[in-house]
């Protein structure tokens, strides 16, 4: 960017002026990446997921391009259902009514994301990377809310357009950007006009912008909460903003007050860089609940190896090893064992995980997972395995929130998120708990909204650095 003048930069003293926050959200990111290496896929229905490769019999959609969505293909959908609605080009009788299916290639997507993130960090002093395809930027010191001489747009809009154009020009993928004086409004704005959107919400206009939107558009409100608000007669953000705060708090506690504040356009959170993860986890669901102990052990062994490798690639050691076992209908059980010191020992992760799993040998499991936590990133000599004694197994079980009479949308686990497990279809989820606190509204909404894929229709396969 040497020698390039950023549009919208204002050198004046903006002390005390409203912040300028950008929420950058890549459009159908995995599909866009596939189109980068196969340009002939541009304009064609593209589905990225797992389960349709040779030898595999089940899986789920990670991302469906907008063209594929016209056929009813959605993120987190069983791949069998997607193929019924949109056949593969290779096997379709009518190729003009078929789509292009590609397997998930996370390492490639991460390499593309790294190019995008380099631009974001070049354009802002403070960047909070939320996931592989999403980030918040505080550009208060780079531009301003002043309008151009013709009064048609703000300098902040010009700056955001510059960010979009750089991503498109230098990387070759498109992004939707929301510009607002706070994080939650910027998030709503980026979702408002996808794909390739740019929506600016000026200071003083946030509440009026939000008011007519469905209450589910309020940042932090997921489908379960939206349904419960609907039962209270609250259908729009404006109605939530005007609701009796005591009534909302009595139903949802402090989280309810937070959601009402956001519906009113109030959000005083600062954009802060995400910290290192507190834990690293991996989980996988079975096509059907299984009592086959050997099958469960095979999956847990593979998950343990993957989690240990991810920890090593990040230079992380761990003090706690745990598993998660989901039993029908959706009873989430966790077991963990604490060690006497931090280690980097993949075989130990597998041994401990399998030992903990033995408790569930005779149980029908829908899903299993492996986690390492109490991470340490300090450069230090690795603790020796000699003389180690496990501090004992700490057991916990939790019921995941479910919609009455429906298939559960999501399971919550301490320090992570779980994507939707569609009935009869396995999913694979990576999750990393970020250091630092998140609000109740964010944590609760993540388990709801990520279950069905994000607003851009992309199922969450994890948050990557």
Protein backbone atom coordinates (compact mmCIF):
# COMPACT_ATOMS: atom_id res chain seq x y z
CA UNK A 1 0.00 0.00 0.00
CA UNK A 2 3.03 2.21 -0.14
CA UNK A 3 2.32 5.46 -1.89
CA UNK A 4 -1.44 4.88 -1.87
CA UNK A 5 -3.64 7.48 -0.23
CA UNK A 6 -6.52 6.07 1.71
CA UNK A 7 -9.84 7.70 0.85
CA UNK A 8 -11.66 9.09 3.85
CA UNK A 9 -8.63 9.67 6.05
CA UNK A 10 -9.12 12.71 8.23
CA UNK A 11 -6.22 14.18 10.15
CA UNK A 12 -8.43 16.43 12.25
CA UNK A 13 -9.06 15.97 15.95
CA UNK A 14 -11.94 13.53 16.25
CA UNK A 15 -11.69 13.24 20.03
CA UNK A 16 -15.11 12.50 21.46
CA UNK A 17 -16.70 11.69 18.09
CA UNK A 18 -18.67 8.45 17.68
CA UNK A 19 -16.54 5.45 16.85
CA UNK A 20 -16.46 4.06 13.32
CA UNK A 21 -16.72 0.29 13.24
CA UNK A 22 -16.60 -1.89 10.14
CA UNK A 23 -17.88 -5.44 10.12
CA UNK A 24 -16.35 -7.31 7.18
CA UNK A 25 -18.08 -10.56 6.26
CA UNK A 26 -16.90 -12.59 3.27
CA UNK A 27 -19.69 -13.74 0.92
CA UNK A 28 -20.05 -17.55 0.64
CA UNK A 29 -16.37 -17.70 1.46
CA UNK A 30 -15.63 -21.38 0.83
CA UNK A 31 -17.47 -21.29 -2.49
CA UNK A 32 -15.64 -18.07 -3.42
CA UNK A 33 -12.31 -19.76 -2.69
CA UNK A 34 -13.23 -22.68 -4.92
CA UNK A 35 -14.05 -20.24 -7.70
CA UNK A 36 -10.64 -18.67 -7.28
CA UNK A 37 -8.90 -21.86 -8.33
CA UNK A 38 -11.63 -22.86 -10.78
CA UNK A 39 -12.76 -19.64 -12.48
CA UNK A 40 -15.15 -21.63 -14.69
CA UNK A 41 -17.34 -22.08 -11.59
CA UNK A 42 -18.20 -18.39 -11.48
CA UNK A 43 -21.94 -17.94 -11.85
CA UNK A 44 -22.56 -21.67 -11.40
CA UNK A 45 -24.23 -23.38 -8.41
CA UNK A 46 -21.40 -24.43 -6.07
CA UNK A 47 -21.76 -26.55 -2.95
CA UNK A 48 -18.88 -27.08 -0.53
CA UNK A 49 -19.24 -29.78 2.08
CA UNK A 50 -18.46 -33.28 3.24
CA UNK A 51 -19.86 -36.68 2.42
CA UNK A 52 -20.14 -36.93 -1.35
CA UNK A 53 -16.56 -37.97 -2.01
CA UNK A 54 -15.90 -41.51 -3.24
CA UNK A 55 -16.41 -44.04 -0.48
CA UNK A 56 -18.33 -41.69 1.83
CA UNK A 57 -22.00 -42.19 2.50
CA UNK A 58 -22.98 -39.23 4.63
CA UNK A 59 -22.09 -35.62 5.31
CA UNK A 60 -23.30 -32.04 5.44
CA UNK A 61 -23.19 -28.82 3.44
CA UNK A 62 -20.69 -26.24 4.67
CA UNK A 63 -21.44 -23.52 2.12
CA UNK A 64 -23.89 -23.14 -0.73
CA UNK A 65 -23.42 -20.37 -3.28
CA UNK A 66 -26.35 -18.07 -3.94
CA UNK A 67 -27.00 -19.89 -7.20
CA UNK A 68 -27.21 -23.21 -5.33
CA UNK A 69 -29.57 -21.73 -2.75
CA UNK A 70 -32.10 -21.07 -5.48
CA UNK A 71 -32.52 -24.85 -5.60
CA UNK A 72 -33.11 -25.08 -1.85
CA UNK A 73 -29.58 -26.07 -0.85
CA UNK A 74 -28.63 -24.61 2.53
CA UNK A 75 -25.72 -24.73 4.94
CA UNK A 76 -25.72 -27.51 7.56
CA UNK A 77 -28.14 -29.47 5.33
CA UNK A 78 -27.62 -33.22 4.96
CA UNK A 79 -25.67 -33.79 1.77
CA UNK A 80 -28.19 -36.40 0.67
CA UNK A 81 -30.93 -33.79 0.78
CA UNK A 82 -28.79 -31.32 -1.12
CA UNK A 83 -28.15 -33.88 -3.85
CA UNK A 84 -31.87 -34.55 -4.14
CA UNK A 85 -32.49 -30.86 -4.77
CA UNK A 86 -29.42 -30.18 -6.86
CA UNK A 87 -27.79 -33.20 -8.56
CA UNK A 88 -24.08 -33.27 -9.30
CA UNK A 89 -23.13 -32.17 -12.79
CA UNK A 90 -21.27 -35.45 -13.30
CA UNK A 91 -24.40 -37.57 -12.79
CA UNK A 92 -27.28 -35.26 -13.75
CA UNK A 93 -29.49 -35.98 -16.73
CA UNK A 94 -29.73 -32.24 -17.35
CA UNK A 95 -26.40 -30.49 -16.53
CA UNK A 96 -28.12 -27.09 -16.75
CA UNK A 97 -30.11 -28.05 -13.64
CA UNK A 98 -27.16 -29.40 -11.68
CA UNK A 99 -24.42 -28.10 -9.41
CA UNK A 100 -20.71 -28.43 -8.77
CA UNK A 101 -19.82 -30.15 -5.49
CA UNK A 102 -16.41 -29.68 -3.88
CA UNK A 103 -14.95 -31.12 -0.64
CA UNK A 104 -13.93 -28.82 2.18
CA UNK A 105 -10.28 -27.76 1.88
CA UNK A 106 -9.74 -25.80 5.06
CA UNK A 107 -5.99 -25.30 4.59
CA UNK A 108 -6.60 -23.64 1.24
CA UNK A 109 -9.38 -21.46 2.66
CA UNK A 110 -7.09 -20.41 5.51
CA UNK A 111 -4.42 -19.35 3.01
CA UNK A 112 -6.94 -17.14 1.18
CA UNK A 113 -8.23 -15.80 4.49
CA UNK A 114 -4.68 -14.85 5.46
CA UNK A 115 -4.47 -12.60 2.38
CA UNK A 116 -7.74 -10.93 3.33
CA UNK A 117 -6.62 -10.45 6.92
CA UNK A 118 -3.38 -8.84 5.77
CA UNK A 119 -5.45 -6.18 4.01
CA UNK A 120 -7.70 -5.68 7.04
CA UNK A 121 -4.72 -5.18 9.35
CA UNK A 122 -3.25 -2.77 6.83
CA UNK A 123 -6.46 -0.73 6.79
CA UNK A 124 -7.12 -0.60 10.54
CA UNK A 125 -5.13 -0.23 13.72
CA UNK A 126 -7.51 -2.50 15.64
CA UNK A 127 -8.90 -5.71 14.10
CA UNK A 128 -10.91 -8.37 15.87
CA UNK A 129 -10.87 -11.59 13.84
CA UNK A 130 -14.09 -13.41 14.66
CA UNK A 131 -13.66 -16.38 12.32
CA UNK A 132 -12.01 -17.43 9.09
CA UNK A 133 -14.34 -15.16 7.10
CA UNK A 134 -15.43 -12.41 9.47
CA UNK A 135 -13.81 -9.51 11.36
CA UNK A 136 -14.50 -6.19 13.07
CA UNK A 137 -12.34 -3.13 12.37
CA UNK A 138 -12.15 0.05 14.42
CA UNK A 139 -11.21 2.74 11.89
CA UNK A 140 -12.05 5.76 14.01
CA UNK A 141 -8.52 7.08 13.62
CA UNK A 142 -8.46 6.44 9.85
CA UNK A 143 -11.58 8.25 8.66
CA UNK A 144 -14.57 10.25 9.93
CA UNK A 145 -18.34 10.63 9.88
CA UNK A 146 -18.05 13.89 7.95
CA UNK A 147 -19.89 14.00 4.66
CA UNK A 148 -18.38 14.62 1.25
CA UNK A 149 -18.79 18.12 -0.27
CA UNK A 150 -21.89 17.03 -2.15
CA UNK A 151 -23.36 15.63 1.08
CA UNK A 152 -24.25 12.32 -0.55
CA UNK A 153 -22.06 10.08 1.57
CA UNK A 154 -19.76 10.03 4.54
CA UNK A 155 -16.00 9.74 4.40
CA UNK A 156 -16.43 6.51 6.38
CA UNK A 157 -18.40 5.04 3.48
CA UNK A 158 -15.60 5.87 1.07
CA UNK A 159 -13.11 4.21 3.38
CA UNK A 160 -15.25 1.06 3.63
CA UNK A 161 -15.60 0.97 -0.15
CA UNK A 162 -11.83 1.15 -0.41
CA UNK A 163 -11.47 -1.88 1.90
CA UNK A 164 -13.98 -3.84 -0.22
CA UNK A 165 -12.22 -2.93 -3.44
CA UNK A 166 -8.82 -3.95 -2.12
CA UNK A 167 -10.13 -7.37 -1.09
CA UNK A 168 -11.75 -7.87 -4.48
CA UNK A 169 -8.79 -6.56 -6.46
CA UNK A 170 -5.92 -8.13 -4.50
CA UNK A 171 -7.48 -11.42 -3.36
CA UNK A 172 -10.33 -11.99 -5.79
CA UNK A 173 -13.17 -12.65 -3.34
CA UNK A 174 -16.07 -10.40 -2.38
CA UNK A 175 -17.05 -9.08 1.02
CA UNK A 176 -20.08 -7.37 2.47
CA UNK A 177 -19.30 -4.52 4.85
CA UNK A 178 -21.40 -2.83 7.48
CA UNK A 179 -20.38 0.57 8.84
CA UNK A 180 -21.83 1.87 12.11
CA UNK A 181 -20.89 3.57 15.38
CA UNK A 182 -20.90 0.27 17.28
CA UNK A 183 -20.20 -3.43 16.78
CA UNK A 184 -23.71 -4.86 16.90
CA UNK A 185 -25.12 -2.34 14.44
CA UNK A 186 -22.18 -2.91 12.07
CA UNK A 187 -22.86 -6.65 12.18
CA UNK A 188 -26.53 -6.15 11.27
CA UNK A 189 -25.55 -3.72 8.52
CA UNK A 190 -23.15 -6.17 6.87
CA UNK A 191 -25.92 -8.79 6.70
CA UNK A 192 -28.49 -6.33 5.39
CA UNK A 193 -27.65 -6.28 1.69
CA UNK A 194 -25.66 -9.42 0.86
CA UNK A 195 -23.89 -10.35 -1.33
CA UNK A 196 -21.27 -7.69 -2.09
CA UNK A 197 -23.14 -5.20 0.05
CA UNK A 198 -22.09 -1.94 1.66
CA UNK A 199 -24.49 -0.49 4.22
CA UNK A 200 -23.71 2.58 6.32
CA UNK A 201 -25.65 3.43 9.48
CA UNK A 202 -24.75 6.91 10.63
CA UNK A 203 -24.67 8.03 14.27
CA UNK A 204 -28.15 9.01 15.37
CA UNK A 205 -29.76 6.69 12.81
CA UNK A 206 -29.04 3.32 14.39
CA UNK A 207 -32.34 2.91 16.23
CA UNK A 208 -34.44 3.94 13.26
CA UNK A 209 -32.43 1.60 11.02
CA UNK A 210 -33.03 -1.35 13.34
CA UNK A 211 -36.66 -0.63 14.26
CA UNK A 212 -38.45 -2.26 11.27
CA UNK A 213 -36.18 -5.32 11.16
CA UNK A 214 -37.23 -8.71 12.46
CA UNK A 215 -36.19 -9.19 16.08
CA UNK A 216 -34.00 -12.07 14.95
CA UNK A 217 -31.81 -9.53 13.14
CA UNK A 218 -30.74 -7.98 16.45
CA UNK A 219 -27.19 -9.08 17.12
CA UNK A 220 -27.39 -11.72 19.84
CA UNK A 221 -30.91 -12.96 19.11
CA UNK A 222 -31.05 -16.48 17.73
CA UNK A 223 -34.06 -18.46 16.50
CA UNK A 224 -34.97 -19.87 19.93
CA UNK A 225 -34.88 -16.46 21.60
CA UNK A 226 -36.76 -14.93 18.67
CA UNK A 227 -39.51 -17.49 19.12
CA UNK A 228 -39.74 -16.76 22.84
CA UNK A 229 -39.86 -13.02 22.18
CA UNK A 230 -42.58 -13.64 19.61
CA UNK A 231 -44.61 -15.40 22.30
CA UNK A 232 -44.34 -12.14 24.25
CA UNK A 233 -45.69 -10.21 21.26
CA UNK A 234 -42.27 -8.86 20.27
CA UNK A 235 -41.66 -9.40 16.55
CA UNK A 236 -39.43 -6.48 15.52
CA UNK A 237 -36.34 -4.74 16.84
CA UNK A 238 -38.44 -1.63 17.40
CA UNK A 239 -40.86 -3.56 19.58
CA UNK A 240 -37.98 -4.99 21.58
CA UNK A 241 -36.52 -1.51 21.98
CA UNK A 242 -39.84 -0.25 23.32
CA UNK A 243 -40.54 -3.26 25.53
CA UNK A 244 -40.77 -3.00 29.31
CA UNK A 245 -37.17 -3.62 30.46
CA UNK A 246 -38.37 -5.36 33.63
CA UNK A 247 -40.54 -7.74 31.64
CA UNK A 248 -37.69 -8.61 29.29
CA UNK A 249 -35.29 -9.05 32.20
CA UNK A 250 -37.70 -11.31 34.04
CA UNK A 251 -37.76 -13.61 31.01
CA UNK A 252 -34.11 -13.52 29.92
CA UNK A 253 -32.21 -12.04 32.86
CA UNK A 254 -29.32 -9.63 32.24
CA UNK A 255 -29.05 -10.98 28.70
CA UNK A 256 -32.54 -9.61 28.02
CA UNK A 257 -31.50 -6.12 29.06
CA UNK A 258 -28.45 -6.37 26.82
CA UNK A 259 -30.54 -7.42 23.81
CA UNK A 260 -33.03 -4.60 24.45
CA UNK A 261 -30.14 -2.11 24.56
CA UNK A 262 -28.83 -3.35 21.23
CA UNK A 263 -32.30 -3.05 19.71
CA UNK A 264 -32.21 0.58 20.84
CA UNK A 265 -28.86 1.06 19.10
CA UNK A 266 -26.80 1.05 22.30
CA UNK A 267 -23.61 -1.01 22.40
CA UNK A 268 -20.54 0.33 24.18
CA UNK A 269 -18.23 -2.63 23.55
CA UNK A 270 -14.81 -1.75 22.20
CA UNK A 271 -13.29 -3.60 19.27
CA UNK A 272 -10.48 -5.58 20.85
CA UNK A 273 -8.17 -8.13 19.22
CA UNK A 274 -9.21 -11.70 19.96
CA UNK A 275 -7.01 -13.46 22.46
CA UNK A 276 -5.50 -16.89 22.24
CA UNK A 277 -7.88 -19.83 22.50
CA UNK A 278 -8.61 -21.34 25.91
CA UNK A 279 -9.30 -24.72 24.39
CA UNK A 280 -9.15 -26.66 21.14
CA UNK A 281 -11.83 -29.19 20.29
CA UNK A 282 -13.04 -31.41 17.53
CA UNK A 283 -16.25 -33.41 17.32
CA UNK A 284 -18.09 -35.63 14.90
CA UNK A 285 -21.63 -37.01 14.71
CA UNK A 286 -22.72 -40.45 13.59
CA UNK A 287 -25.30 -40.96 10.88
CA UNK A 288 -27.35 -42.78 13.51
CA UNK A 289 -26.86 -43.22 17.24
CA UNK A 290 -24.54 -46.19 17.72
CA UNK A 291 -23.68 -48.60 20.54
CA UNK A 292 -20.73 -49.99 18.55
CA UNK A 293 -17.90 -49.42 21.00
CA UNK A 294 -15.20 -50.02 18.40
CA UNK A 295 -16.71 -47.48 16.02
CA UNK A 296 -16.84 -44.88 18.77
CA UNK A 297 -13.22 -45.62 19.71
CA UNK A 298 -12.05 -45.27 16.11
CA UNK A 299 -13.69 -41.86 15.78
CA UNK A 300 -12.38 -40.63 19.13
CA UNK A 301 -8.86 -41.78 18.24
CA UNK A 302 -8.98 -39.80 15.01
CA UNK A 303 -10.36 -36.73 16.77
CA UNK A 304 -7.70 -36.96 19.47
CA UNK A 305 -4.92 -37.07 16.87
CA UNK A 306 -6.38 -34.06 15.07
CA UNK A 307 -6.80 -32.00 18.25
CA UNK A 308 -3.27 -32.80 19.39
CA UNK A 309 -1.87 -31.80 15.99
CA UNK A 310 -3.78 -28.52 16.03
CA UNK A 311 -2.41 -27.76 19.49
CA UNK A 312 1.14 -28.51 18.35
CA UNK A 313 0.74 -26.35 15.22
CA UNK A 314 -0.20 -23.43 17.48
CA UNK A 315 2.64 -24.00 19.91
CA UNK A 316 0.17 -24.87 22.67
CA UNK A 317 0.56 -27.29 25.54
CA UNK A 318 -2.43 -28.48 27.56
CA UNK A 319 -3.17 -29.42 31.15
CA UNK A 320 -6.62 -30.94 30.67
CA UNK A 321 -7.90 -33.58 28.26
CA UNK A 322 -11.61 -34.24 27.89
CA UNK A 323 -14.33 -35.82 25.80
CA UNK A 324 -17.94 -35.04 24.94
CA UNK A 325 -20.56 -37.71 24.31
CA UNK A 326 -24.04 -36.78 23.12
CA UNK A 327 -26.71 -39.37 23.91
CA UNK A 328 -30.26 -39.44 22.51
CA UNK A 329 -32.31 -37.36 22.42
CA UNK A 330 -29.62 -34.72 23.02
CA UNK A 331 -28.05 -35.29 26.42
CA UNK A 332 -24.60 -33.71 26.39
CA UNK A 333 -22.11 -35.41 28.72
CA UNK A 334 -18.55 -34.21 29.27
CA UNK A 335 -15.69 -35.92 31.07
CA UNK A 336 -12.21 -34.56 31.59
CA UNK A 337 -8.97 -35.34 33.36
CA UNK A 338 -6.49 -32.79 34.66
CA UNK A 339 -2.78 -33.46 34.53
CA UNK A 340 -0.02 -32.33 36.87
CA UNK A 341 1.52 -30.04 34.24
CA UNK A 342 1.23 -28.79 30.65
CA UNK A 343 2.20 -31.26 27.94
CA UNK A 344 2.45 -31.75 24.20
CA UNK A 345 1.89 -35.50 23.95
CA UNK A 346 -0.49 -36.71 21.19
CA UNK A 347 -0.44 -40.36 22.37
CA UNK A 348 -1.52 -39.22 25.82
CA UNK A 349 -4.48 -37.32 24.39
CA UNK A 350 -5.67 -40.48 22.69
CA UNK A 351 -5.08 -42.69 25.74
CA UNK A 352 -6.93 -40.40 28.12
CA UNK A 353 -9.79 -39.78 25.70
CA UNK A 354 -10.31 -43.49 25.12
CA UNK A 355 -10.15 -44.19 28.84
CA UNK A 356 -12.82 -41.57 29.52
CA UNK A 357 -14.90 -42.91 26.65
CA UNK A 358 -15.02 -46.39 28.19
CA UNK A 359 -17.71 -45.17 30.56
CA UNK A 360 -20.01 -44.93 27.55
CA UNK A 361 -19.15 -48.24 25.86
CA UNK A 362 -22.71 -49.55 26.22
CA UNK A 363 -24.46 -46.25 25.48
CA UNK A 364 -25.92 -45.24 22.12
CA UNK A 365 -23.96 -42.14 21.10
CA UNK A 366 -25.12 -39.56 18.57
CA UNK A 367 -21.92 -37.54 18.65
CA UNK A 368 -18.47 -37.67 20.24
CA UNK A 369 -15.80 -35.04 20.70
CA UNK A 370 -12.31 -34.51 22.11
CA UNK A 371 -10.99 -31.37 23.77
CA UNK A 372 -7.70 -30.13 25.20
CA UNK A 373 -7.93 -27.13 27.51
CA UNK A 374 -6.05 -25.07 30.09
CA UNK A 375 -3.70 -24.21 27.27
CA UNK A 376 -0.23 -22.80 27.78
CA UNK A 377 1.61 -20.88 25.07
CA UNK A 378 4.66 -19.92 27.12
CA UNK A 379 8.03 -21.11 25.84
CA UNK A 380 9.13 -23.58 28.52
CA UNK A 381 10.61 -27.01 28.87
CA UNK A 382 7.97 -29.64 28.43
CA UNK A 383 6.94 -31.45 31.56
CA UNK A 384 8.03 -35.04 31.77
CA UNK A 385 5.48 -37.81 31.64
CA UNK A 386 7.37 -39.61 34.40
CA UNK A 387 5.64 -39.38 37.73
CA UNK A 388 2.49 -37.88 36.35
CA UNK A 389 -0.66 -38.62 38.18
CA UNK A 390 -4.02 -37.62 36.84
CA UNK A 391 -5.87 -35.40 39.23
CA UNK A 392 -8.90 -37.59 38.73
CA UNK A 393 -11.79 -37.41 36.35
CA UNK A 394 -14.06 -34.45 36.68
CA UNK A 395 -17.49 -35.30 35.36
CA UNK A 396 -20.27 -33.07 34.16
CA UNK A 397 -23.36 -33.43 32.08
CA UNK A 398 -25.65 -30.82 30.59
CA UNK A 399 -28.87 -30.75 28.68
CA UNK A 400 -28.67 -28.76 25.45
CA UNK A 401 -31.42 -26.24 24.82
CA UNK A 402 -33.93 -27.67 22.37
CA UNK A 403 -37.03 -26.47 20.65
CA UNK A 404 -40.07 -28.23 22.05
CA UNK A 405 -41.13 -31.04 19.77
CA UNK A 406 -38.35 -30.50 17.23
CA UNK A 407 -34.90 -31.83 16.51
CA UNK A 408 -32.39 -29.95 18.70
CA UNK A 409 -30.69 -27.17 16.82
CA UNK A 410 -27.51 -26.90 18.83
CA UNK A 411 -25.65 -28.22 21.81
CA UNK A 412 -23.71 -25.96 24.09
CA UNK A 413 -20.40 -27.01 25.60
CA UNK A 414 -18.19 -25.13 28.01
CA UNK A 415 -15.86 -22.98 25.99
CA UNK A 416 -17.02 -23.85 22.50
CA UNK A 417 -19.81 -24.06 19.98
CA UNK A 418 -21.50 -26.91 18.23
CA UNK A 419 -23.00 -26.73 14.79
CA UNK A 420 -26.39 -28.21 13.96
CA UNK A 421 -26.58 -31.97 13.84
CA UNK A 422 -29.34 -32.60 11.31
CA UNK A 423 -31.25 -35.79 12.02
CA UNK A 424 -29.56 -38.68 10.30
CA UNK A 425 -26.64 -36.62 9.05
CA UNK A 426 -23.22 -36.26 10.65
CA UNK A 427 -21.43 -32.96 11.02
CA UNK A 428 -17.88 -32.11 11.85
CA UNK A 429 -17.16 -29.11 14.03
CA UNK A 430 -14.00 -27.34 15.06
CA UNK A 431 -14.22 -24.86 17.85
CA UNK A 432 -11.81 -22.69 19.78
CA UNK A 433 -12.84 -20.72 22.84
CA UNK A 434 -11.39 -17.25 22.68
CA UNK A 435 -9.59 -15.75 25.60
CA UNK A 436 -11.38 -12.82 27.14
CA UNK A 437 -15.00 -12.53 28.06
CA UNK A 438 -17.97 -12.41 25.73
CA UNK A 439 -21.34 -11.04 26.63
CA UNK A 440 -24.18 -13.37 27.60
CA UNK A 441 -26.06 -12.32 24.47
CA UNK A 442 -23.14 -13.21 22.20
CA UNK A 443 -22.52 -16.59 23.81
CA UNK A 444 -26.17 -17.59 23.78
CA UNK A 445 -26.79 -16.37 20.26
CA UNK A 446 -23.74 -18.20 18.93
CA UNK A 447 -25.16 -21.56 19.99
CA UNK A 448 -28.46 -20.64 18.28
CA UNK A 449 -27.42 -18.84 15.11
CA UNK A 450 -24.36 -20.91 14.22
CA UNK A 451 -26.54 -24.00 14.38
CA UNK A 452 -28.22 -22.96 11.16
CA UNK A 453 -25.22 -21.35 9.48
CA UNK A 454 -24.44 -17.66 9.51
CA UNK A 455 -26.44 -14.97 7.75
CA UNK A 456 -24.46 -15.59 4.61
CA UNK A 457 -25.50 -19.23 4.63
CA UNK A 458 -22.14 -20.67 5.66
CA UNK A 459 -22.04 -23.34 8.33
CA UNK A 460 -19.39 -22.73 10.94
CA UNK A 461 -16.51 -25.15 10.69
CA UNK A 462 -14.56 -23.31 13.33
CA UNK A 463 -12.68 -20.14 14.03
CA UNK A 464 -9.20 -20.12 12.61
CA UNK A 465 -6.24 -17.87 13.16
